[in-house]
Amino acid sequence: RKKKKQKDYQPNYFLSIPITNKKI
């Protein structure tokens, strides 16, 4: 089941570092 779960693993969330520097 774990192997199948890993195989079917589709990310739908993520951790992000927002880029807010106006120069960038």
mmCIF file of all heavy atoms, coordinates in Angstrom:
data_MODEL
# 
_entry.id   MODEL 
# 
loop_
_atom_site.group_PDB 
_atom_site.id 
_atom_site.type_symbol 
_atom_site.label_atom_id 
_atom_site.label_alt_id 
_atom_site.label_comp_id 
_atom_site.label_asym_id 
_atom_site.label_entity_id 
_atom_site.label_seq_id 
_atom_site.pdbx_PDB_ins_code 
_atom_site.Cartn_x 
_atom_site.Cartn_y 
_atom_site.Cartn_z 
_atom_site.occupancy 
_atom_site.B_iso_or_equiv 
_atom_site.pdbx_formal_charge 
_atom_site.auth_seq_id 
_atom_site.auth_comp_id 
_atom_site.auth_asym_id 
_atom_site.auth_atom_id 
_atom_site.pdbx_PDB_model_num 
ATOM 1   N N   . ARG A 1 1  ? 0.822  -1.204 0.000   1.00 0.00 ? 1  ARG A N   1 
ATOM 2   C CA  . ARG A 1 1  ? 0.000  0.000  0.000   1.00 0.00 ? 1  ARG A CA  1 
ATOM 3   C C   . ARG A 1 1  ? 0.856  1.255  0.000   1.00 0.00 ? 1  ARG A C   1 
ATOM 4   O O   . ARG A 1 1  ? 0.575  2.229  -0.663  1.00 0.00 ? 1  ARG A O   1 
ATOM 5   C CB  . ARG A 1 1  ? -0.937 0.010  1.224   1.00 0.00 ? 1  ARG A CB  1 
ATOM 6   C CG  . ARG A 1 1  ? -2.184 -0.827 1.041   1.00 0.00 ? 1  ARG A CG  1 
ATOM 7   C CD  . ARG A 1 1  ? -3.292 -0.345 1.963   1.00 0.00 ? 1  ARG A CD  1 
ATOM 8   N NE  . ARG A 1 1  ? -2.920 -0.366 3.354   1.00 0.00 ? 1  ARG A NE  1 
ATOM 9   C CZ  . ARG A 1 1  ? -3.098 -1.400 4.176   1.00 0.00 ? 1  ARG A CZ  1 
ATOM 10  N NH1 . ARG A 1 1  ? -3.625 -2.520 3.707   1.00 0.00 ? 1  ARG A NH1 1 
ATOM 11  N NH2 . ARG A 1 1  ? -2.740 -1.331 5.439   1.00 0.00 ? 1  ARG A NH2 1 
ATOM 12  N N   . LYS A 1 2  ? 1.952  1.230  0.796   1.00 0.00 ? 2  LYS A N   1 
ATOM 13  C CA  . LYS A 1 2  ? 2.855  2.373  0.862   1.00 0.00 ? 2  LYS A CA  1 
ATOM 14  C C   . LYS A 1 2  ? 3.504  2.635  -0.485  1.00 0.00 ? 2  LYS A C   1 
ATOM 15  O O   . LYS A 1 2  ? 3.640  3.769  -0.920  1.00 0.00 ? 2  LYS A O   1 
ATOM 16  C CB  . LYS A 1 2  ? 3.929  2.139  1.930   1.00 0.00 ? 2  LYS A CB  1 
ATOM 17  C CG  . LYS A 1 2  ? 3.437  2.402  3.341   1.00 0.00 ? 2  LYS A CG  1 
ATOM 18  C CD  . LYS A 1 2  ? 4.559  2.243  4.336   1.00 0.00 ? 2  LYS A CD  1 
ATOM 19  C CE  . LYS A 1 2  ? 4.081  2.581  5.745   1.00 0.00 ? 2  LYS A CE  1 
ATOM 20  N NZ  . LYS A 1 2  ? 5.161  2.401  6.739   1.00 0.00 ? 2  LYS A NZ  1 
ATOM 21  N N   . LYS A 1 3  ? 3.933  1.531  -1.165  1.00 0.00 ? 3  LYS A N   1 
ATOM 22  C CA  . LYS A 1 3  ? 4.550  1.679  -2.478  1.00 0.00 ? 3  LYS A CA  1 
ATOM 23  C C   . LYS A 1 3  ? 3.562  2.290  -3.461  1.00 0.00 ? 3  LYS A C   1 
ATOM 24  O O   . LYS A 1 3  ? 3.891  3.177  -4.238  1.00 0.00 ? 3  LYS A O   1 
ATOM 25  C CB  . LYS A 1 3  ? 5.038  0.327  -2.998  1.00 0.00 ? 3  LYS A CB  1 
ATOM 26  C CG  . LYS A 1 3  ? 6.323  -0.160 -2.328  1.00 0.00 ? 3  LYS A CG  1 
ATOM 27  C CD  . LYS A 1 3  ? 6.759  -1.482 -2.905  1.00 0.00 ? 3  LYS A CD  1 
ATOM 28  C CE  . LYS A 1 3  ? 8.042  -1.979 -2.225  1.00 0.00 ? 3  LYS A CE  1 
ATOM 29  N NZ  . LYS A 1 3  ? 8.450  -3.291 -2.750  1.00 0.00 ? 3  LYS A NZ  1 
ATOM 30  N N   . LYS A 1 4  ? 2.301  1.792  -3.403  1.00 0.00 ? 4  LYS A N   1 
ATOM 31  C CA  . LYS A 1 4  ? 1.272  2.313  -4.294  1.00 0.00 ? 4  LYS A CA  1 
ATOM 32  C C   . LYS A 1 4  ? 0.996  3.780  -3.983  1.00 0.00 ? 4  LYS A C   1 
ATOM 33  O O   . LYS A 1 4  ? 0.848  4.604  -4.875  1.00 0.00 ? 4  LYS A O   1 
ATOM 34  C CB  . LYS A 1 4  ? -0.016 1.494  -4.128  1.00 0.00 ? 4  LYS A CB  1 
ATOM 35  C CG  . LYS A 1 4  ? -1.121 1.877  -5.118  1.00 0.00 ? 4  LYS A CG  1 
ATOM 36  C CD  . LYS A 1 4  ? -2.331 0.985  -4.946  1.00 0.00 ? 4  LYS A CD  1 
ATOM 37  C CE  . LYS A 1 4  ? -3.378 1.271  -6.005  1.00 0.00 ? 4  LYS A CE  1 
ATOM 38  N NZ  . LYS A 1 4  ? -3.901 2.622  -5.962  1.00 0.00 ? 4  LYS A NZ  1 
ATOM 39  N N   . LYS A 1 5  ? 0.965  4.097  -2.678  1.00 0.00 ? 5  LYS A N   1 
ATOM 40  C CA  . LYS A 1 5  ? 0.704  5.480  -2.256  1.00 0.00 ? 5  LYS A CA  1 
ATOM 41  C C   . LYS A 1 5  ? 1.807  6.409  -2.747  1.00 0.00 ? 5  LYS A C   1 
ATOM 42  O O   . LYS A 1 5  ? 1.553  7.500  -3.231  1.00 0.00 ? 5  LYS A O   1 
ATOM 43  C CB  . LYS A 1 5  ? 0.596  5.527  -0.726  1.00 0.00 ? 5  LYS A CB  1 
ATOM 44  C CG  . LYS A 1 5  ? -0.136 6.759  -0.213  1.00 0.00 ? 5  LYS A CG  1 
ATOM 45  C CD  . LYS A 1 5  ? -0.411 6.629  1.268   1.00 0.00 ? 5  LYS A CD  1 
ATOM 46  C CE  . LYS A 1 5  ? -1.218 7.824  1.768   1.00 0.00 ? 5  LYS A CE  1 
ATOM 47  N NZ  . LYS A 1 5  ? -1.470 7.754  3.207   1.00 0.00 ? 5  LYS A NZ  1 
ATOM 48  N N   . GLN A 1 6  ? 3.069  5.955  -2.620  1.00 0.00 ? 6  GLN A N   1 
ATOM 49  C CA  . GLN A 1 6  ? 4.187  6.765  -3.098  1.00 0.00 ? 6  GLN A CA  1 
ATOM 50  C C   . GLN A 1 6  ? 4.117  6.945  -4.609  1.00 0.00 ? 6  GLN A C   1 
ATOM 51  O O   . GLN A 1 6  ? 4.408  8.008  -5.132  1.00 0.00 ? 6  GLN A O   1 
ATOM 52  C CB  . GLN A 1 6  ? 5.521  6.111  -2.703  1.00 0.00 ? 6  GLN A CB  1 
ATOM 53  C CG  . GLN A 1 6  ? 5.854  6.203  -1.229  1.00 0.00 ? 6  GLN A CG  1 
ATOM 54  C CD  . GLN A 1 6  ? 6.262  7.597  -0.814  1.00 0.00 ? 6  GLN A CD  1 
ATOM 55  O OE1 . GLN A 1 6  ? 6.385  8.484  -1.645  1.00 0.00 ? 6  GLN A OE1 1 
ATOM 56  N NE2 . GLN A 1 6  ? 6.468  7.798  0.471   1.00 0.00 ? 6  GLN A NE2 1 
ATOM 57  N N   . LYS A 1 7  ? 3.714  5.854  -5.294  1.00 0.00 ? 7  LYS A N   1 
ATOM 58  C CA  . LYS A 1 7  ? 3.620  5.901  -6.759  1.00 0.00 ? 7  LYS A CA  1 
ATOM 59  C C   . LYS A 1 7  ? 2.537  6.890  -7.183  1.00 0.00 ? 7  LYS A C   1 
ATOM 60  O O   . LYS A 1 7  ? 2.681  7.615  -8.172  1.00 0.00 ? 7  LYS A O   1 
ATOM 61  C CB  . LYS A 1 7  ? 3.310  4.501  -7.300  1.00 0.00 ? 7  LYS A CB  1 
ATOM 62  C CG  . LYS A 1 7  ? 3.335  4.408  -8.816  1.00 0.00 ? 7  LYS A CG  1 
ATOM 63  C CD  . LYS A 1 7  ? 3.041  3.001  -9.265  1.00 0.00 ? 7  LYS A CD  1 
ATOM 64  C CE  . LYS A 1 7  ? 3.031  2.901  -10.786 1.00 0.00 ? 7  LYS A CE  1 
ATOM 65  N NZ  . LYS A 1 7  ? 2.712  1.533  -11.247 1.00 0.00 ? 7  LYS A NZ  1 
ATOM 66  N N   . ASP A 1 8  ? 1.414  6.912  -6.436  1.00 0.00 ? 8  ASP A N   1 
ATOM 67  C CA  . ASP A 1 8  ? 0.295  7.786  -6.768  1.00 0.00 ? 8  ASP A CA  1 
ATOM 68  C C   . ASP A 1 8  ? 0.434  9.169  -6.135  1.00 0.00 ? 8  ASP A C   1 
ATOM 69  O O   . ASP A 1 8  ? -0.467 9.985  -6.234  1.00 0.00 ? 8  ASP A O   1 
ATOM 70  C CB  . ASP A 1 8  ? -1.023 7.155  -6.286  1.00 0.00 ? 8  ASP A CB  1 
ATOM 71  C CG  . ASP A 1 8  ? -1.297 5.822  -6.991  1.00 0.00 ? 8  ASP A CG  1 
ATOM 72  O OD1 . ASP A 1 8  ? -0.748 5.625  -8.081  1.00 0.00 ? 8  ASP A OD1 1 
ATOM 73  O OD2 . ASP A 1 8  ? -2.043 5.008  -6.433  1.00 0.00 ? 8  ASP A OD2 1 
ATOM 74  N N   . TYR A 1 9  ? 1.549  9.416  -5.484  1.00 0.00 ? 9  TYR A N   1 
ATOM 75  C CA  . TYR A 1 9  ? 1.753  10.651 -4.729  1.00 0.00 ? 9  TYR A CA  1 
ATOM 76  C C   . TYR A 1 9  ? 1.727  11.870 -5.635  1.00 0.00 ? 9  TYR A C   1 
ATOM 77  O O   . TYR A 1 9  ? 2.573  12.032 -6.495  1.00 0.00 ? 9  TYR A O   1 
ATOM 78  C CB  . TYR A 1 9  ? 3.091  10.533 -3.984  1.00 0.00 ? 9  TYR A CB  1 
ATOM 79  C CG  . TYR A 1 9  ? 3.636  11.800 -3.366  1.00 0.00 ? 9  TYR A CG  1 
ATOM 80  C CD1 . TYR A 1 9  ? 2.843  12.630 -2.603  1.00 0.00 ? 9  TYR A CD1 1 
ATOM 81  C CD2 . TYR A 1 9  ? 4.981  12.138 -3.519  1.00 0.00 ? 9  TYR A CD2 1 
ATOM 82  C CE1 . TYR A 1 9  ? 3.355  13.784 -2.019  1.00 0.00 ? 9  TYR A CE1 1 
ATOM 83  C CE2 . TYR A 1 9  ? 5.513  13.276 -2.931  1.00 0.00 ? 9  TYR A CE2 1 
ATOM 84  C CZ  . TYR A 1 9  ? 4.690  14.099 -2.187  1.00 0.00 ? 9  TYR A CZ  1 
ATOM 85  O OH  . TYR A 1 9  ? 5.200  15.229 -1.598  1.00 0.00 ? 9  TYR A OH  1 
ATOM 86  N N   . GLN A 1 10 ? 0.717  12.699 -5.442  1.00 0.00 ? 10 GLN A N   1 
ATOM 87  C CA  . GLN A 1 10 ? 0.582  13.929 -6.215  1.00 0.00 ? 10 GLN A CA  1 
ATOM 88  C C   . GLN A 1 10 ? 0.546  15.116 -5.246  1.00 0.00 ? 10 GLN A C   1 
ATOM 89  O O   . GLN A 1 10 ? -0.465 15.340 -4.574  1.00 0.00 ? 10 GLN A O   1 
ATOM 90  C CB  . GLN A 1 10 ? -0.706 13.901 -7.042  1.00 0.00 ? 10 GLN A CB  1 
ATOM 91  C CG  . GLN A 1 10 ? -0.698 12.904 -8.192  1.00 0.00 ? 10 GLN A CG  1 
ATOM 92  C CD  . GLN A 1 10 ? 0.257  13.306 -9.294  1.00 0.00 ? 10 GLN A CD  1 
ATOM 93  O OE1 . GLN A 1 10 ? 0.513  14.485 -9.502  1.00 0.00 ? 10 GLN A OE1 1 
ATOM 94  N NE2 . GLN A 1 10 ? 0.777  12.343 -10.020 1.00 0.00 ? 10 GLN A NE2 1 
ATOM 95  N N   . PRO A 1 11 ? 1.634  15.875 -5.129  1.00 0.00 ? 11 PRO A N   1 
ATOM 96  C CA  . PRO A 1 11 ? 1.644  17.011 -4.215  1.00 0.00 ? 11 PRO A CA  1 
ATOM 97  C C   . PRO A 1 11 ? 0.546  18.018 -4.563  1.00 0.00 ? 11 PRO A C   1 
ATOM 98  O O   . PRO A 1 11 ? 0.283  18.275 -5.735  1.00 0.00 ? 11 PRO A O   1 
ATOM 99  C CB  . PRO A 1 11 ? 3.030  17.631 -4.424  1.00 0.00 ? 11 PRO A CB  1 
ATOM 100 C CG  . PRO A 1 11 ? 3.864  16.523 -4.990  1.00 0.00 ? 11 PRO A CG  1 
ATOM 101 C CD  . PRO A 1 11 ? 2.925  15.722 -5.831  1.00 0.00 ? 11 PRO A CD  1 
ATOM 102 N N   . ASN A 1 12 ? -0.103 18.556 -3.551  1.00 0.00 ? 12 ASN A N   1 
ATOM 103 C CA  . ASN A 1 12 ? -1.131 19.580 -3.770  1.00 0.00 ? 12 ASN A CA  1 
ATOM 104 C C   . ASN A 1 12 ? -0.964 20.780 -2.828  1.00 0.00 ? 12 ASN A C   1 
ATOM 105 O O   . ASN A 1 12 ? -1.726 21.737 -2.905  1.00 0.00 ? 12 ASN A O   1 
ATOM 106 C CB  . ASN A 1 12 ? -2.534 18.986 -3.645  1.00 0.00 ? 12 ASN A CB  1 
ATOM 107 C CG  . ASN A 1 12 ? -2.795 18.408 -2.265  1.00 0.00 ? 12 ASN A CG  1 
ATOM 108 O OD1 . ASN A 1 12 ? -1.863 18.138 -1.506  1.00 0.00 ? 12 ASN A OD1 1 
ATOM 109 N ND2 . ASN A 1 12 ? -4.053 18.198 -1.932  1.00 0.00 ? 12 ASN A ND2 1 
ATOM 110 N N   . TYR A 1 13 ? 0.029  20.698 -1.943  1.00 0.00 ? 13 TYR A N   1 
ATOM 111 C CA  . TYR A 1 13 ? 0.372  21.808 -1.057  1.00 0.00 ? 13 TYR A CA  1 
ATOM 112 C C   . TYR A 1 13 ? 1.890  21.985 -1.067  1.00 0.00 ? 13 TYR A C   1 
ATOM 113 O O   . TYR A 1 13 ? 2.616  21.069 -1.464  1.00 0.00 ? 13 TYR A O   1 
ATOM 114 C CB  . TYR A 1 13 ? -0.098 21.551 0.386   1.00 0.00 ? 13 TYR A CB  1 
ATOM 115 C CG  . TYR A 1 13 ? -1.544 21.900 0.635   1.00 0.00 ? 13 TYR A CG  1 
ATOM 116 C CD1 . TYR A 1 13 ? -2.567 21.043 0.217   1.00 0.00 ? 13 TYR A CD1 1 
ATOM 117 C CD2 . TYR A 1 13 ? -1.898 23.077 1.290   1.00 0.00 ? 13 TYR A CD2 1 
ATOM 118 C CE1 . TYR A 1 13 ? -3.905 21.362 0.442   1.00 0.00 ? 13 TYR A CE1 1 
ATOM 119 C CE2 . TYR A 1 13 ? -3.238 23.402 1.520   1.00 0.00 ? 13 TYR A CE2 1 
ATOM 120 C CZ  . TYR A 1 13 ? -4.221 22.542 1.100   1.00 0.00 ? 13 TYR A CZ  1 
ATOM 121 O OH  . TYR A 1 13 ? -5.534 22.868 1.316   1.00 0.00 ? 13 TYR A OH  1 
ATOM 122 N N   . PHE A 1 14 ? 2.346  23.159 -0.639  1.00 0.00 ? 14 PHE A N   1 
ATOM 123 C CA  . PHE A 1 14 ? 3.794  23.371 -0.597  1.00 0.00 ? 14 PHE A CA  1 
ATOM 124 C C   . PHE A 1 14 ? 4.141  24.451 0.424   1.00 0.00 ? 14 PHE A C   1 
ATOM 125 O O   . PHE A 1 14 ? 3.300  25.292 0.779   1.00 0.00 ? 14 PHE A O   1 
ATOM 126 C CB  . PHE A 1 14 ? 4.332  23.754 -1.987  1.00 0.00 ? 14 PHE A CB  1 
ATOM 127 C CG  . PHE A 1 14 ? 3.781  25.040 -2.543  1.00 0.00 ? 14 PHE A CG  1 
ATOM 128 C CD1 . PHE A 1 14 ? 4.511  26.229 -2.470  1.00 0.00 ? 14 PHE A CD1 1 
ATOM 129 C CD2 . PHE A 1 14 ? 2.541  25.078 -3.172  1.00 0.00 ? 14 PHE A CD2 1 
ATOM 130 C CE1 . PHE A 1 14 ? 4.015  27.412 -2.996  1.00 0.00 ? 14 PHE A CE1 1 
ATOM 131 C CE2 . PHE A 1 14 ? 2.030  26.255 -3.700  1.00 0.00 ? 14 PHE A CE2 1 
ATOM 132 C CZ  . PHE A 1 14 ? 2.777  27.424 -3.614  1.00 0.00 ? 14 PHE A CZ  1 
ATOM 133 N N   . LEU A 1 15 ? 5.372  24.393 0.906   1.00 0.00 ? 15 LEU A N   1 
ATOM 134 C CA  . LEU A 1 15 ? 5.907  25.453 1.745   1.00 0.00 ? 15 LEU A CA  1 
ATOM 135 C C   . LEU A 1 15 ? 6.682  26.402 0.849   1.00 0.00 ? 15 LEU A C   1 
ATOM 136 O O   . LEU A 1 15 ? 7.481  25.958 0.021   1.00 0.00 ? 15 LEU A O   1 
ATOM 137 C CB  . LEU A 1 15 ? 6.859  24.882 2.808   1.00 0.00 ? 15 LEU A CB  1 
ATOM 138 C CG  . LEU A 1 15 ? 6.264  24.008 3.908   1.00 0.00 ? 15 LEU A CG  1 
ATOM 139 C CD1 . LEU A 1 15 ? 7.364  23.618 4.905   1.00 0.00 ? 15 LEU A CD1 1 
ATOM 140 C CD2 . LEU A 1 15 ? 5.121  24.702 4.623   1.00 0.00 ? 15 LEU A CD2 1 
ATOM 141 N N   . SER A 1 16 ? 6.454  27.696 1.013   1.00 0.00 ? 16 SER A N   1 
ATOM 142 C CA  . SER A 1 16 ? 7.143  28.656 0.149   1.00 0.00 ? 16 SER A CA  1 
ATOM 143 C C   . SER A 1 16 ? 7.738  29.797 0.954   1.00 0.00 ? 16 SER A C   1 
ATOM 144 O O   . SER A 1 16 ? 7.225  30.165 2.016   1.00 0.00 ? 16 SER A O   1 
ATOM 145 C CB  . SER A 1 16 ? 6.189  29.209 -0.902  1.00 0.00 ? 16 SER A CB  1 
ATOM 146 O OG  . SER A 1 16 ? 5.323  30.176 -0.330  1.00 0.00 ? 16 SER A OG  1 
ATOM 147 N N   . ILE A 1 17 ? 8.824  30.323 0.425   1.00 0.00 ? 17 ILE A N   1 
ATOM 148 C CA  . ILE A 1 17 ? 9.421  31.552 0.950   1.00 0.00 ? 17 ILE A CA  1 
ATOM 149 C C   . ILE A 1 17 ? 8.963  32.671 0.018   1.00 0.00 ? 17 ILE A C   1 
ATOM 150 O O   . ILE A 1 17 ? 9.371  32.712 -1.151  1.00 0.00 ? 17 ILE A O   1 
ATOM 151 C CB  . ILE A 1 17 ? 10.957 31.461 0.966   1.00 0.00 ? 17 ILE A CB  1 
ATOM 152 C CG1 . ILE A 1 17 ? 11.419 30.302 1.854   1.00 0.00 ? 17 ILE A CG1 1 
ATOM 153 C CG2 . ILE A 1 17 ? 11.567 32.782 1.418   1.00 0.00 ? 17 ILE A CG2 1 
ATOM 154 C CD1 . ILE A 1 17 ? 12.914 30.026 1.775   1.00 0.00 ? 17 ILE A CD1 1 
ATOM 155 N N   . PRO A 1 18 ? 8.096  33.569 0.471   1.00 0.00 ? 18 PRO A N   1 
ATOM 156 C CA  . PRO A 1 18 ? 7.608  34.642 -0.414  1.00 0.00 ? 18 PRO A CA  1 
ATOM 157 C C   . PRO A 1 18 ? 8.720  35.624 -0.766  1.00 0.00 ? 18 PRO A C   1 
ATOM 158 O O   . PRO A 1 18 ? 9.554  35.959 0.075   1.00 0.00 ? 18 PRO A O   1 
ATOM 159 C CB  . PRO A 1 18 ? 6.515  35.323 0.424   1.00 0.00 ? 18 PRO A CB  1 
ATOM 160 C CG  . PRO A 1 18 ? 6.872  35.003 1.837   1.00 0.00 ? 18 PRO A CG  1 
ATOM 161 C CD  . PRO A 1 18 ? 7.519  33.654 1.830   1.00 0.00 ? 18 PRO A CD  1 
ATOM 162 N N   . ILE A 1 19 ? 8.727  36.046 -2.024  1.00 0.00 ? 19 ILE A N   1 
ATOM 163 C CA  . ILE A 1 19 ? 9.708  37.033 -2.492  1.00 0.00 ? 19 ILE A CA  1 
ATOM 164 C C   . ILE A 1 19 ? 8.988  38.368 -2.601  1.00 0.00 ? 19 ILE A C   1 
ATOM 165 O O   . ILE A 1 19 ? 8.114  38.556 -3.448  1.00 0.00 ? 19 ILE A O   1 
ATOM 166 C CB  . ILE A 1 19 ? 10.307 36.619 -3.858  1.00 0.00 ? 19 ILE A CB  1 
ATOM 167 C CG1 . ILE A 1 19 ? 10.907 35.208 -3.770  1.00 0.00 ? 19 ILE A CG1 1 
ATOM 168 C CG2 . ILE A 1 19 ? 11.348 37.633 -4.306  1.00 0.00 ? 19 ILE A CG2 1 
ATOM 169 C CD1 . ILE A 1 19 ? 12.005 35.033 -2.743  1.00 0.00 ? 19 ILE A CD1 1 
ATOM 170 N N   . THR A 1 20 ? 9.384  39.312 -1.727  1.00 0.00 ? 20 THR A N   1 
ATOM 171 C CA  . THR A 1 20 ? 8.671  40.580 -1.646  1.00 0.00 ? 20 THR A CA  1 
ATOM 172 C C   . THR A 1 20 ? 9.550  41.802 -1.927  1.00 0.00 ? 20 THR A C   1 
ATOM 173 O O   . THR A 1 20 ? 9.032  42.917 -2.026  1.00 0.00 ? 20 THR A O   1 
ATOM 174 C CB  . THR A 1 20 ? 8.048  40.736 -0.243  1.00 0.00 ? 20 THR A CB  1 
ATOM 175 O OG1 . THR A 1 20 ? 9.090  40.648 0.738   1.00 0.00 ? 20 THR A OG1 1 
ATOM 176 C CG2 . THR A 1 20 ? 7.029  39.635 0.030   1.00 0.00 ? 20 THR A CG2 1 
ATOM 177 N N   . ASN A 1 21 ? 10.863 41.606 -2.046  1.00 0.00 ? 21 ASN A N   1 
ATOM 178 C CA  . ASN A 1 21 ? 11.766 42.725 -2.333  1.00 0.00 ? 21 ASN A CA  1 
ATOM 179 C C   . ASN A 1 21 ? 11.386 43.334 -3.682  1.00 0.00 ? 21 ASN A C   1 
ATOM 180 O O   . ASN A 1 21 ? 11.424 42.659 -4.716  1.00 0.00 ? 21 ASN A O   1 
ATOM 181 C CB  . ASN A 1 21 ? 13.211 42.221 -2.358  1.00 0.00 ? 21 ASN A CB  1 
ATOM 182 C CG  . ASN A 1 21 ? 14.210 43.335 -2.580  1.00 0.00 ? 21 ASN A CG  1 
ATOM 183 O OD1 . ASN A 1 21 ? 13.902 44.392 -3.129  1.00 0.00 ? 21 ASN A OD1 1 
ATOM 184 N ND2 . ASN A 1 21 ? 15.438 43.112 -2.162  1.00 0.00 ? 21 ASN A ND2 1 
ATOM 185 N N   . LYS A 1 22 ? 11.025 44.606 -3.677  1.00 0.00 ? 22 LYS A N   1 
ATOM 186 C CA  . LYS A 1 22 ? 10.534 45.253 -4.898  1.00 0.00 ? 22 LYS A CA  1 
ATOM 187 C C   . LYS A 1 22 ? 11.594 45.308 -6.003  1.00 0.00 ? 22 LYS A C   1 
ATOM 188 O O   . LYS A 1 22 ? 11.261 45.346 -7.188  1.00 0.00 ? 22 LYS A O   1 
ATOM 189 C CB  . LYS A 1 22 ? 10.018 46.657 -4.576  1.00 0.00 ? 22 LYS A CB  1 
ATOM 190 C CG  . LYS A 1 22 ? 8.775  46.652 -3.703  1.00 0.00 ? 22 LYS A CG  1 
ATOM 191 C CD  . LYS A 1 22 ? 8.182  48.039 -3.573  1.00 0.00 ? 22 LYS A CD  1 
ATOM 192 C CE  . LYS A 1 22 ? 6.967  48.038 -2.649  1.00 0.00 ? 22 LYS A CE  1 
ATOM 193 N NZ  . LYS A 1 22 ? 5.892  47.151 -3.124  1.00 0.00 ? 22 LYS A NZ  1 
ATOM 194 N N   . LYS A 1 23 ? 12.850 45.316 -5.609  1.00 0.00 ? 23 LYS A N   1 
ATOM 195 C CA  . LYS A 1 23 ? 13.913 45.313 -6.615  1.00 0.00 ? 23 LYS A CA  1 
ATOM 196 C C   . LYS A 1 23 ? 13.888 43.986 -7.393  1.00 0.00 ? 23 LYS A C   1 
ATOM 197 O O   . LYS A 1 23 ? 14.032 43.966 -8.622  1.00 0.00 ? 23 LYS A O   1 
ATOM 198 C CB  . LYS A 1 23 ? 15.282 45.508 -5.962  1.00 0.00 ? 23 LYS A CB  1 
ATOM 199 C CG  . LYS A 1 23 ? 16.424 45.549 -6.973  1.00 0.00 ? 23 LYS A CG  1 
ATOM 200 C CD  . LYS A 1 23 ? 17.777 45.737 -6.302  1.00 0.00 ? 23 LYS A CD  1 
ATOM 201 C CE  . LYS A 1 23 ? 18.898 45.732 -7.348  1.00 0.00 ? 23 LYS A CE  1 
ATOM 202 N NZ  . LYS A 1 23 ? 20.237 45.856 -6.718  1.00 0.00 ? 23 LYS A NZ  1 
ATOM 203 N N   . ILE A 1 24 ? 13.689 42.879 -6.668  1.00 0.00 ? 24 ILE A N   1 
ATOM 204 C CA  . ILE A 1 24 ? 13.639 41.561 -7.321  1.00 0.00 ? 24 ILE A CA  1 
ATOM 205 C C   . ILE A 1 24 ? 12.387 41.437 -8.167  1.00 0.00 ? 24 ILE A C   1 
ATOM 206 O O   . ILE A 1 24 ? 12.455 41.075 -9.349  1.00 0.00 ? 24 ILE A O   1 
ATOM 207 C CB  . ILE A 1 24 ? 13.681 40.436 -6.273  1.00 0.00 ? 24 ILE A CB  1 
ATOM 208 C CG1 . ILE A 1 24 ? 14.990 40.466 -5.489  1.00 0.00 ? 24 ILE A CG1 1 
ATOM 209 C CG2 . ILE A 1 24 ? 13.521 39.069 -6.953  1.00 0.00 ? 24 ILE A CG2 1 
ATOM 210 C CD1 . ILE A 1 24 ? 15.067 39.456 -4.358  1.00 0.00 ? 24 ILE A CD1 1 
# 
